């Protein structure tokens, strides 16, 4: 495990075992949620290989940041919609 953090250039020397465990668990949960998302599923239709799909997914997210609807960024619009849903 320490070797993996070193390879990622992540300093865990001051972290407690619980913090390291939380980091791994939370990262895995986030990863799994991304893989279950409709956007990632659509990307996989075009790039079935996982690493290529992951790269395309990030490129797609970056590209979405340039999209606008009536001068509002698409990202801002979707964030506001998600916040409204979570407030209910």
N, C-alpha and C. Protein backbone atom coordinates (compact mmCIF):
# COMPACT_ATOMS: atom_id res chain seq x y z
N UNK A 1 0.83 -1.18 0.00
CA UNK A 1 0.00 0.00 0.00
C UNK A 1 0.88 1.25 0.00
N UNK A 2 1.92 1.25 0.79
CA UNK A 2 2.82 2.40 0.85
C UNK A 2 3.44 2.65 -0.52
N UNK A 3 3.79 1.57 -1.21
CA UNK A 3 4.38 1.71 -2.55
C UNK A 3 3.41 2.39 -3.51
N UNK A 4 2.13 2.07 -3.39
CA UNK A 4 1.13 2.69 -4.27
C UNK A 4 1.05 4.19 -4.02
N UNK A 5 1.05 4.61 -2.77
CA UNK A 5 1.02 6.04 -2.47
C UNK A 5 2.29 6.73 -2.95
N UNK A 6 3.42 6.07 -2.83
CA UNK A 6 4.68 6.64 -3.33
C UNK A 6 4.61 6.82 -4.84
N UNK A 7 4.08 5.81 -5.54
CA UNK A 7 3.96 5.89 -6.99
C UNK A 7 3.04 7.04 -7.40
N UNK A 8 2.05 7.33 -6.58
CA UNK A 8 1.12 8.43 -6.85
C UNK A 8 1.65 9.78 -6.36
N UNK A 9 2.84 9.77 -5.77
CA UNK A 9 3.44 10.98 -5.18
C UNK A 9 2.54 11.58 -4.10
N UNK A 10 1.95 10.71 -3.29
CA UNK A 10 1.09 11.15 -2.19
C UNK A 10 1.82 10.88 -0.89
N UNK A 11 2.07 11.95 -0.14
CA UNK A 11 2.76 11.81 1.14
C UNK A 11 1.74 11.45 2.22
N UNK A 12 1.90 10.27 2.80
CA UNK A 12 1.00 9.82 3.85
C UNK A 12 1.72 9.70 5.19
N UNK A 13 2.91 10.28 5.25
CA UNK A 13 3.75 10.12 6.45
C UNK A 13 3.10 10.69 7.70
N UNK A 14 2.29 11.71 7.58
CA UNK A 14 1.63 12.30 8.74
C UNK A 14 0.21 11.78 8.96
N UNK A 15 -0.26 10.91 8.08
CA UNK A 15 -1.63 10.39 8.18
C UNK A 15 -1.71 9.24 9.17
N UNK A 16 -2.82 9.16 9.85
CA UNK A 16 -3.07 8.02 10.74
C UNK A 16 -3.57 6.85 9.90
N UNK A 17 -3.50 5.64 10.43
CA UNK A 17 -4.06 4.50 9.69
C UNK A 17 -5.53 4.72 9.32
N UNK A 18 -6.30 5.34 10.20
CA UNK A 18 -7.72 5.61 9.90
C UNK A 18 -7.85 6.59 8.74
N UNK A 19 -7.03 7.62 8.69
CA UNK A 19 -7.07 8.57 7.57
C UNK A 19 -6.71 7.89 6.25
N UNK A 20 -5.73 7.03 6.29
CA UNK A 20 -5.33 6.31 5.08
C UNK A 20 -6.46 5.39 4.62
N UNK A 21 -7.07 4.69 5.57
CA UNK A 21 -8.19 3.82 5.25
C UNK A 21 -9.34 4.63 4.66
N UNK A 22 -9.66 5.75 5.27
CA UNK A 22 -10.74 6.61 4.77
C UNK A 22 -10.45 7.11 3.36
N UNK A 23 -9.21 7.46 3.11
CA UNK A 23 -8.82 7.94 1.79
C UNK A 23 -9.06 6.85 0.74
N UNK A 24 -8.64 5.64 1.04
CA UNK A 24 -8.81 4.52 0.11
C UNK A 24 -10.29 4.21 -0.09
N UNK A 25 -11.05 4.14 1.01
CA UNK A 25 -12.47 3.81 0.93
C UNK A 25 -13.23 4.89 0.15
N UNK A 26 -12.98 6.15 0.46
CA UNK A 26 -13.69 7.24 -0.21
C UNK A 26 -13.34 7.32 -1.69
N UNK A 27 -12.08 7.10 -2.02
CA UNK A 27 -11.67 7.10 -3.42
C UNK A 27 -12.33 5.96 -4.18
N UNK A 28 -12.40 4.80 -3.55
CA UNK A 28 -13.04 3.65 -4.19
C UNK A 28 -14.53 3.89 -4.39
N UNK A 29 -15.19 4.46 -3.39
CA UNK A 29 -16.62 4.76 -3.52
C UNK A 29 -16.86 5.75 -4.65
N UNK A 30 -16.03 6.79 -4.73
CA UNK A 30 -16.18 7.78 -5.80
C UNK A 30 -15.96 7.11 -7.16
N UNK A 31 -14.92 6.32 -7.27
CA UNK A 31 -14.62 5.60 -8.50
C UNK A 31 -15.79 4.74 -8.94
N UNK A 32 -16.38 4.02 -8.00
CA UNK A 32 -17.51 3.15 -8.31
C UNK A 32 -18.73 3.94 -8.76
N UNK A 33 -18.97 5.09 -8.14
CA UNK A 33 -20.09 5.95 -8.54
C UNK A 33 -19.89 6.48 -9.95
N UNK A 34 -18.66 6.88 -10.27
CA UNK A 34 -18.36 7.36 -11.62
C UNK A 34 -18.64 6.26 -12.63
N UNK A 35 -18.17 5.05 -12.35
CA UNK A 35 -18.36 3.93 -13.28
C UNK A 35 -19.83 3.59 -13.47
N UNK A 36 -20.68 3.86 -12.48
CA UNK A 36 -22.11 3.58 -12.59
C UNK A 36 -22.88 4.72 -13.25
N UNK A 37 -22.22 5.87 -13.46
CA UNK A 37 -22.91 7.03 -14.02
C UNK A 37 -23.30 6.79 -15.47
N UNK A 38 -24.38 7.42 -15.88
CA UNK A 38 -24.84 7.30 -17.27
C UNK A 38 -23.81 7.85 -18.24
N UNK A 39 -23.11 8.89 -17.84
CA UNK A 39 -22.09 9.48 -18.71
C UNK A 39 -20.98 8.47 -18.96
N UNK A 40 -20.48 7.83 -17.91
CA UNK A 40 -19.39 6.86 -18.09
C UNK A 40 -19.87 5.65 -18.89
N UNK A 41 -21.10 5.23 -18.65
CA UNK A 41 -21.64 4.11 -19.43
C UNK A 41 -21.68 4.45 -20.92
N UNK A 42 -22.06 5.67 -21.22
CA UNK A 42 -22.10 6.11 -22.62
C UNK A 42 -20.69 6.15 -23.20
N UNK A 43 -19.73 6.65 -22.43
CA UNK A 43 -18.34 6.69 -22.88
C UNK A 43 -17.85 5.27 -23.19
N UNK A 44 -18.21 4.30 -22.34
CA UNK A 44 -17.76 2.92 -22.54
C UNK A 44 -18.31 2.31 -23.83
N UNK A 45 -19.43 2.82 -24.32
CA UNK A 45 -19.95 2.35 -25.60
C UNK A 45 -19.00 2.70 -26.74
N UNK A 46 -18.29 3.81 -26.57
CA UNK A 46 -17.38 4.29 -27.62
C UNK A 46 -15.95 3.84 -27.39
N UNK A 47 -15.59 3.63 -26.15
CA UNK A 47 -14.25 3.17 -25.78
C UNK A 47 -14.39 2.08 -24.72
N UNK A 48 -14.60 0.83 -25.11
CA UNK A 48 -14.85 -0.24 -24.14
C UNK A 48 -13.67 -0.52 -23.20
N UNK A 49 -12.45 -0.26 -23.66
CA UNK A 49 -11.30 -0.52 -22.81
C UNK A 49 -11.26 0.52 -21.68
N UNK A 50 -11.11 0.06 -20.45
CA UNK A 50 -11.27 0.91 -19.26
C UNK A 50 -10.37 2.15 -19.28
N UNK A 51 -9.08 2.00 -19.52
CA UNK A 51 -8.17 3.14 -19.44
C UNK A 51 -8.45 4.16 -20.54
N UNK A 52 -8.79 3.69 -21.73
CA UNK A 52 -9.16 4.62 -22.81
C UNK A 52 -10.47 5.33 -22.45
N UNK A 53 -11.41 4.59 -21.87
CA UNK A 53 -12.69 5.18 -21.46
C UNK A 53 -12.48 6.23 -20.37
N UNK A 54 -11.60 5.95 -19.44
CA UNK A 54 -11.33 6.91 -18.36
C UNK A 54 -10.74 8.20 -18.92
N UNK A 55 -9.83 8.07 -19.88
CA UNK A 55 -9.23 9.25 -20.50
C UNK A 55 -10.30 10.05 -21.26
N UNK A 56 -11.14 9.34 -22.03
CA UNK A 56 -12.20 10.01 -22.77
C UNK A 56 -13.20 10.68 -21.82
N UNK A 57 -13.49 10.04 -20.70
CA UNK A 57 -14.40 10.59 -19.70
C UNK A 57 -13.88 11.94 -19.19
N UNK A 58 -12.61 12.01 -18.87
CA UNK A 58 -12.02 13.26 -18.38
C UNK A 58 -12.05 14.32 -19.49
N UNK A 59 -11.73 13.91 -20.72
CA UNK A 59 -11.79 14.86 -21.84
C UNK A 59 -13.21 15.38 -22.03
N UNK A 60 -14.19 14.51 -21.86
CA UNK A 60 -15.59 14.91 -21.98
C UNK A 60 -15.95 15.94 -20.91
N UNK A 61 -15.54 15.68 -19.67
CA UNK A 61 -15.81 16.64 -18.59
C UNK A 61 -15.17 17.99 -18.88
N UNK A 62 -13.93 17.97 -19.38
CA UNK A 62 -13.26 19.23 -19.72
C UNK A 62 -14.00 19.94 -20.84
N UNK A 63 -14.46 19.18 -21.82
CA UNK A 63 -15.19 19.77 -22.93
C UNK A 63 -16.51 20.38 -22.50
N UNK A 64 -17.18 19.72 -21.56
CA UNK A 64 -18.45 20.25 -21.07
C UNK A 64 -18.28 21.62 -20.41
N UNK A 65 -17.09 21.87 -19.89
CA UNK A 65 -16.86 23.16 -19.24
C UNK A 65 -16.89 24.32 -20.23
N UNK A 66 -16.82 24.02 -21.52
CA UNK A 66 -16.84 25.08 -22.53
C UNK A 66 -18.24 25.30 -23.11
N UNK A 67 -19.19 24.42 -22.75
CA UNK A 67 -20.55 24.52 -23.29
C UNK A 67 -21.37 25.55 -22.53
N UNK A 68 -22.16 26.31 -23.28
CA UNK A 68 -23.01 27.34 -22.67
C UNK A 68 -24.43 27.22 -23.21
N UNK A 69 -25.36 27.65 -22.40
CA UNK A 69 -26.76 27.76 -22.80
C UNK A 69 -27.24 29.13 -22.34
N UNK A 70 -27.58 29.96 -23.30
CA UNK A 70 -28.00 31.34 -23.01
C UNK A 70 -27.01 32.04 -22.07
N UNK A 71 -25.73 31.95 -22.41
CA UNK A 71 -24.63 32.60 -21.70
C UNK A 71 -24.31 32.02 -20.33
N UNK A 72 -25.02 30.98 -19.88
CA UNK A 72 -24.70 30.29 -18.64
C UNK A 72 -23.92 29.03 -18.99
N UNK A 73 -22.88 28.74 -18.23
CA UNK A 73 -22.14 27.51 -18.51
C UNK A 73 -23.01 26.31 -18.17
N UNK A 74 -22.87 25.26 -18.97
CA UNK A 74 -23.63 24.04 -18.74
C UNK A 74 -23.31 23.46 -17.37
N UNK A 75 -22.07 23.57 -16.95
CA UNK A 75 -21.67 23.06 -15.64
C UNK A 75 -22.43 23.79 -14.54
N UNK A 76 -22.50 25.11 -14.62
CA UNK A 76 -23.22 25.90 -13.61
C UNK A 76 -24.70 25.50 -13.59
N UNK A 77 -25.29 25.35 -14.75
CA UNK A 77 -26.71 24.96 -14.83
C UNK A 77 -26.93 23.61 -14.15
N UNK A 78 -26.08 22.65 -14.45
CA UNK A 78 -26.23 21.31 -13.87
C UNK A 78 -25.95 21.30 -12.38
N UNK A 79 -25.00 22.10 -11.93
CA UNK A 79 -24.74 22.20 -10.48
C UNK A 79 -25.97 22.76 -9.77
N UNK A 80 -26.57 23.80 -10.33
CA UNK A 80 -27.75 24.40 -9.70
C UNK A 80 -28.91 23.39 -9.66
N UNK A 81 -29.09 22.64 -10.75
CA UNK A 81 -30.16 21.63 -10.77
C UNK A 81 -29.91 20.55 -9.72
N UNK A 82 -28.66 20.12 -9.60
CA UNK A 82 -28.33 19.08 -8.61
C UNK A 82 -28.51 19.60 -7.19
N UNK A 83 -28.15 20.85 -6.95
CA UNK A 83 -28.34 21.43 -5.62
C UNK A 83 -29.82 21.53 -5.26
N UNK A 84 -30.65 21.90 -6.23
CA UNK A 84 -32.08 21.96 -5.98
C UNK A 84 -32.65 20.59 -5.65
N UNK A 85 -32.18 19.57 -6.38
CA UNK A 85 -32.64 18.20 -6.10
C UNK A 85 -32.23 17.75 -4.71
N UNK A 86 -31.02 18.10 -4.30
CA UNK A 86 -30.54 17.66 -3.00
C UNK A 86 -31.18 18.43 -1.85
N UNK A 87 -31.72 19.61 -2.14
CA UNK A 87 -32.40 20.41 -1.10
C UNK A 87 -33.79 19.88 -0.79
N UNK A 88 -34.33 19.05 -1.68
CA UNK A 88 -35.69 18.55 -1.49
C UNK A 88 -35.75 17.49 -0.42
